[in-house]
Amino acid sequence: MENCKPVSIPQETSLKLNKPQTLDEKLPFRSLIGSLMYRAIATRPDIAHSVSFLSQFNQNHAEDHWKAAKRILRYLSGTKEVGLVYKKTSELLHGYSDSDWGNNIIDRHSYSGYLFKFGGAAISWEARKQRSVARSSVEA
């Protein structure tokens, strides 16, 4: 992946993945997702949602899932200069949260996430699939 063609976003906007009937054991999918998860948790909040989404396929994955995970690598390859830079500032703590509403086509669960910024950069973030199905956009 060293000389790969970089992409500008980590996940295709129209990506629709289903759980396959059979597991493709040849692909090191779980290992790649684990490595990406480390990056998403430690230094790259911009890939947190994409990695969280793909991690639901750890038990059942196929070639399409592998390609989606490799796309995140292509995104990281093209954004090596992106990082967290903290500056001395008089800003207050800023918090953001967002969720979709039943956008997961497999089980209709929503994804939600949050990010806190201080010193001009993120200090805490998370993106995850909700445990229950939201019945309204307010619940999501």
C-alpha atoms as a PDB file:
ATOM      1  CA  MET A   1       0.000   0.000   0.000  1.00  0.00           C
ATOM      2  CA  GLU A   2       3.083   2.218  -0.009  1.00  0.00           C
ATOM      3  CA  ASN A   3       2.561   3.444  -3.580  1.00  0.00           C
ATOM      4  CA  CYS A   4      -1.235   3.363  -3.545  1.00  0.00           C
ATOM      5  CA  LYS A   5      -3.480   5.983  -5.091  1.00  0.00           C
ATOM      6  CA  PRO A   6      -4.663   8.234  -2.209  1.00  0.00           C
ATOM      7  CA  VAL A   7      -8.339   9.109  -1.716  1.00  0.00           C
ATOM      8  CA  SER A   8      -9.810  12.243  -0.127  1.00  0.00           C
ATOM      9  CA  ILE A   9     -12.329  10.572   2.213  1.00  0.00           C
ATOM     10  CA  PRO A  10     -11.961   7.352   4.236  1.00  0.00           C
ATOM     11  CA  GLN A  11     -15.305   5.824   3.253  1.00  0.00           C
ATOM     12  CA  GLU A  12     -17.405   6.021   0.116  1.00  0.00           C
ATOM     13  CA  THR A  13     -20.532   8.055   0.815  1.00  0.00           C
ATOM     14  CA  SER A  14     -22.765   5.479  -0.858  1.00  0.00           C
ATOM     15  CA  LEU A  15     -21.108   2.434   0.742  1.00  0.00           C
ATOM     16  CA  LYS A  16     -23.615  -0.369   1.370  1.00  0.00           C
ATOM     17  CA  LEU A  17     -22.152  -3.535   2.860  1.00  0.00           C
ATOM     18  CA  ASN A  18     -24.072  -6.626   3.931  1.00  0.00           C
ATOM     19  CA  LYS A  19     -23.011  -9.526   6.102  1.00  0.00           C
ATOM     20  CA  PRO A  20     -21.881 -12.296   3.742  1.00  0.00           C
ATOM     21  CA  GLN A  21     -23.016 -15.878   4.198  1.00  0.00           C
ATOM     22  CA  THR A  22     -19.460 -17.208   4.336  1.00  0.00           C
ATOM     23  CA  LEU A  23     -16.299 -15.936   5.972  1.00  0.00           C
ATOM     24  CA  ASP A  24     -13.261 -15.293   3.772  1.00  0.00           C
ATOM     25  CA  GLU A  25     -10.463 -16.633   6.004  1.00  0.00           C
ATOM     26  CA  LYS A  26      -7.714 -15.740   3.484  1.00  0.00           C
ATOM     27  CA  LEU A  27      -8.061 -12.017   4.138  1.00  0.00           C
ATOM     28  CA  PRO A  28      -6.325 -10.554   7.235  1.00  0.00           C
ATOM     29  CA  PHE A  29      -9.388  -8.353   7.792  1.00  0.00           C
ATOM     30  CA  ARG A  30      -9.490  -8.564  11.604  1.00  0.00           C
ATOM     31  CA  SER A  31      -5.816  -7.700  11.875  1.00  0.00           C
ATOM     32  CA  LEU A  32      -6.223  -4.663   9.632  1.00  0.00           C
ATOM     33  CA  ILE A  33      -9.313  -3.455  11.512  1.00  0.00           C
ATOM     34  CA  GLY A  34      -7.427  -3.849  14.811  1.00  0.00           C
ATOM     35  CA  SER A  35      -4.540  -1.746  13.503  1.00  0.00           C
ATOM     36  CA  LEU A  36      -6.920   0.885  12.163  1.00  0.00           C
ATOM     37  CA  MET A  37      -8.825   0.879  15.465  1.00  0.00           C
ATOM     38  CA  TYR A  38      -5.596   1.729  17.286  1.00  0.00           C
ATOM     39  CA  ARG A  39      -5.070   4.710  14.980  1.00  0.00           C
ATOM     40  CA  ALA A  40      -8.697   5.814  15.315  1.00  0.00           C
ATOM     41  CA  ILE A  41      -8.537   5.719  19.120  1.00  0.00           C
ATOM     42  CA  ALA A  42      -5.061   7.195  19.579  1.00  0.00           C
ATOM     43  CA  THR A  43      -4.392   9.778  16.874  1.00  0.00           C
ATOM     44  CA  ARG A  44      -6.898   9.907  14.010  1.00  0.00           C
ATOM     45  CA  PRO A  45     -10.466  10.866  14.940  1.00  0.00           C
ATOM     46  CA  ASP A  46     -11.196  11.388  11.229  1.00  0.00           C
ATOM     47  CA  ILE A  47     -11.311   7.620  10.627  1.00  0.00           C
ATOM     48  CA  ALA A  48     -13.213   6.653  13.807  1.00  0.00           C
ATOM     49  CA  HIS A  49     -16.627   6.309  12.152  1.00  0.00           C
ATOM     50  CA  SER A  50     -15.364   4.325   9.170  1.00  0.00           C
ATOM     51  CA  VAL A  51     -13.405   1.903  11.356  1.00  0.00           C
ATOM     52  CA  SER A  52     -16.311   1.501  13.779  1.00  0.00           C
ATOM     53  CA  PHE A  53     -18.634   0.738  10.868  1.00  0.00           C
ATOM     54  CA  LEU A  54     -16.313  -1.892   9.373  1.00  0.00           C
ATOM     55  CA  SER A  55     -15.592  -3.541  12.726  1.00  0.00           C
ATOM     56  CA  GLN A  56     -19.132  -4.961  12.812  1.00  0.00           C
ATOM     57  CA  PHE A  57     -18.033  -7.325  10.026  1.00  0.00           C
ATOM     58  CA  ASN A  58     -15.148  -8.927  11.976  1.00  0.00           C
ATOM     59  CA  GLN A  59     -17.013 -12.244  12.216  1.00  0.00           C
ATOM     60  CA  ASN A  60     -18.329 -12.260   8.617  1.00  0.00           C
ATOM     61  CA  HIS A  61     -16.284 -10.443   6.007  1.00  0.00           C
ATOM     62  CA  ALA A  62     -15.648 -10.822   2.314  1.00  0.00           C
ATOM     63  CA  GLU A  63     -13.777  -9.073  -0.494  1.00  0.00           C
ATOM     64  CA  ASP A  64     -16.009  -5.952  -0.421  1.00  0.00           C
ATOM     65  CA  HIS A  65     -15.254  -5.408   3.260  1.00  0.00           C
ATOM     66  CA  TRP A  66     -11.543  -5.856   2.604  1.00  0.00           C
ATOM     67  CA  LYS A  67     -11.661  -3.244  -0.173  1.00  0.00           C
ATOM     68  CA  ALA A  68     -13.450  -0.795   2.139  1.00  0.00           C
ATOM     69  CA  ALA A  69     -10.775  -1.309   4.818  1.00  0.00           C
ATOM     70  CA  LYS A  70      -7.993  -0.818   2.268  1.00  0.00           C
ATOM     71  CA  ARG A  71      -9.675   2.442   1.238  1.00  0.00           C
ATOM     72  CA  ILE A  72      -9.057   3.735   4.770  1.00  0.00           C
ATOM     73  CA  LEU A  73      -5.367   2.878   4.294  1.00  0.00           C
ATOM     74  CA  ARG A  74      -5.393   4.804   1.009  1.00  0.00           C
ATOM     75  CA  TYR A  75      -6.946   7.763   2.843  1.00  0.00           C
ATOM     76  CA  LEU A  76      -4.269   7.589   5.554  1.00  0.00           C
ATOM     77  CA  SER A  77      -1.576   7.398   2.884  1.00  0.00           C
ATOM     78  CA  GLY A  78      -2.829  10.635   1.344  1.00  0.00           C
ATOM     79  CA  THR A  79      -3.177  12.438   4.681  1.00  0.00           C
ATOM     80  CA  LYS A  80       0.127  11.624   6.383  1.00  0.00           C
ATOM     81  CA  GLU A  81       0.609  15.297   7.219  1.00  0.00           C
ATOM     82  CA  VAL A  82      -2.707  15.457   9.113  1.00  0.00           C
ATOM     83  CA  GLY A  83      -2.341  15.218  12.859  1.00  0.00           C
ATOM     84  CA  LEU A  84      -3.374  16.665  16.167  1.00  0.00           C
ATOM     85  CA  VAL A  85      -1.642  19.961  16.968  1.00  0.00           C
ATOM     86  CA  TYR A  86      -2.303  21.573  20.332  1.00  0.00           C
ATOM     87  CA  LYS A  87      -1.791  25.313  20.758  1.00  0.00           C
ATOM     88  CA  LYS A  88      -1.854  27.615  23.726  1.00  0.00           C
ATOM     89  CA  THR A  89      -5.227  29.314  23.530  1.00  0.00           C
ATOM     90  CA  SER A  90      -7.819  31.069  25.637  1.00  0.00           C
ATOM     91  CA  GLU A  91     -10.579  29.008  24.034  1.00  0.00           C
ATOM     92  CA  LEU A  92     -12.992  27.093  26.158  1.00  0.00           C
ATOM     93  CA  LEU A  93     -13.685  23.419  25.821  1.00  0.00           C
ATOM     94  CA  HIS A  94     -15.887  22.708  22.783  1.00  0.00           C
ATOM     95  CA  GLY A  95     -18.013  19.600  22.412  1.00  0.00           C
ATOM     96  CA  TYR A  96     -19.821  18.208  19.386  1.00  0.00           C
ATOM     97  CA  SER A  97     -22.070  15.206  18.898  1.00  0.00           C
ATOM     98  CA  ASP A  98     -23.969  13.741  15.987  1.00  0.00           C
ATOM     99  CA  SER A  99     -25.836  10.629  14.976  1.00  0.00           C
ATOM    100  CA  ASP A 100     -27.533   9.187  11.973  1.00  0.00           C
ATOM    101  CA  TRP A 101     -30.962   7.680  12.300  1.00  0.00           C
ATOM    102  CA  GLY A 102     -31.206   3.987  11.476  1.00  0.00           C
ATOM    103  CA  ASN A 103     -28.734   4.265   8.623  1.00  0.00           C
ATOM    104  CA  ASN A 104     -27.269   0.784   9.116  1.00  0.00           C
ATOM    105  CA  ILE A 105     -29.012  -1.299   6.453  1.00  0.00           C
ATOM    106  CA  ILE A 106     -28.262  -4.568   8.252  1.00  0.00           C
ATOM    107  CA  ASP A 107     -30.031  -3.976  11.562  1.00  0.00           C
ATOM    108  CA  ARG A 108     -31.283  -0.347  11.384  1.00  0.00           C
ATOM    109  CA  HIS A 109     -29.224   0.670  14.416  1.00  0.00           C
ATOM    110  CA  SER A 110     -27.973   4.247  14.440  1.00  0.00           C
ATOM    111  CA  TYR A 111     -24.367   5.365  14.691  1.00  0.00           C
ATOM    112  CA  SER A 112     -23.459   8.162  17.048  1.00  0.00           C
ATOM    113  CA  GLY A 113     -20.299   9.980  17.891  1.00  0.00           C
ATOM    114  CA  TYR A 114     -18.837  12.824  19.868  1.00  0.00           C
ATOM    115  CA  LEU A 115     -15.720  14.966  19.837  1.00  0.00           C
ATOM    116  CA  PHE A 116     -14.291  17.357  22.427  1.00  0.00           C
ATOM    117  CA  LYS A 117     -11.754  20.004  21.417  1.00  0.00           C
ATOM    118  CA  PHE A 118      -9.373  22.037  23.537  1.00  0.00           C
ATOM    119  CA  GLY A 119      -6.270  23.907  22.479  1.00  0.00           C
ATOM    120  CA  GLY A 120      -7.389  23.812  18.868  1.00  0.00           C
ATOM    121  CA  ALA A 121      -7.418  20.017  18.549  1.00  0.00           C
ATOM    122  CA  ALA A 122      -9.423  16.987  19.594  1.00  0.00           C
ATOM    123  CA  ILE A 123      -8.811  15.631  23.088  1.00  0.00           C
ATOM    124  CA  SER A 124     -11.550  12.992  23.222  1.00  0.00           C
ATOM    125  CA  TRP A 125     -13.693  11.310  20.565  1.00  0.00           C
ATOM    126  CA  GLU A 126     -15.685   8.199  19.834  1.00  0.00           C
ATOM    127  CA  ALA A 127     -17.905   6.762  17.104  1.00  0.00           C
ATOM    128  CA  ARG A 128     -19.993   3.660  17.742  1.00  0.00           C
ATOM    129  CA  LYS A 129     -23.103   1.762  16.795  1.00  0.00           C
ATOM    130  CA  GLN A 130     -25.932   2.278  19.255  1.00  0.00           C
ATOM    131  CA  ARG A 131     -27.117  -0.755  21.217  1.00  0.00           C
ATOM    132  CA  SER A 132     -30.821  -0.293  20.497  1.00  0.00           C
ATOM    133  CA  VAL A 133     -32.879   0.824  17.516  1.00  0.00           C
ATOM    134  CA  ALA A 134     -33.885   4.484  17.793  1.00  0.00           C
ATOM    135  CA  ARG A 135     -37.559   5.048  17.021  1.00  0.00           C
ATOM    136  CA  SER A 136     -37.139   8.743  16.235  1.00  0.00           C
ATOM    137  CA  SER A 137     -34.441  11.226  15.249  1.00  0.00           C
ATOM    138  CA  VAL A 138     -34.610  12.652  18.794  1.00  0.00           C
ATOM    139  CA  GLU A 139     -33.807   9.216  20.259  1.00  0.00           C
ATOM    140  CA  ALA A 140     -30.936   8.725  17.815  1.00  0.00           C
END
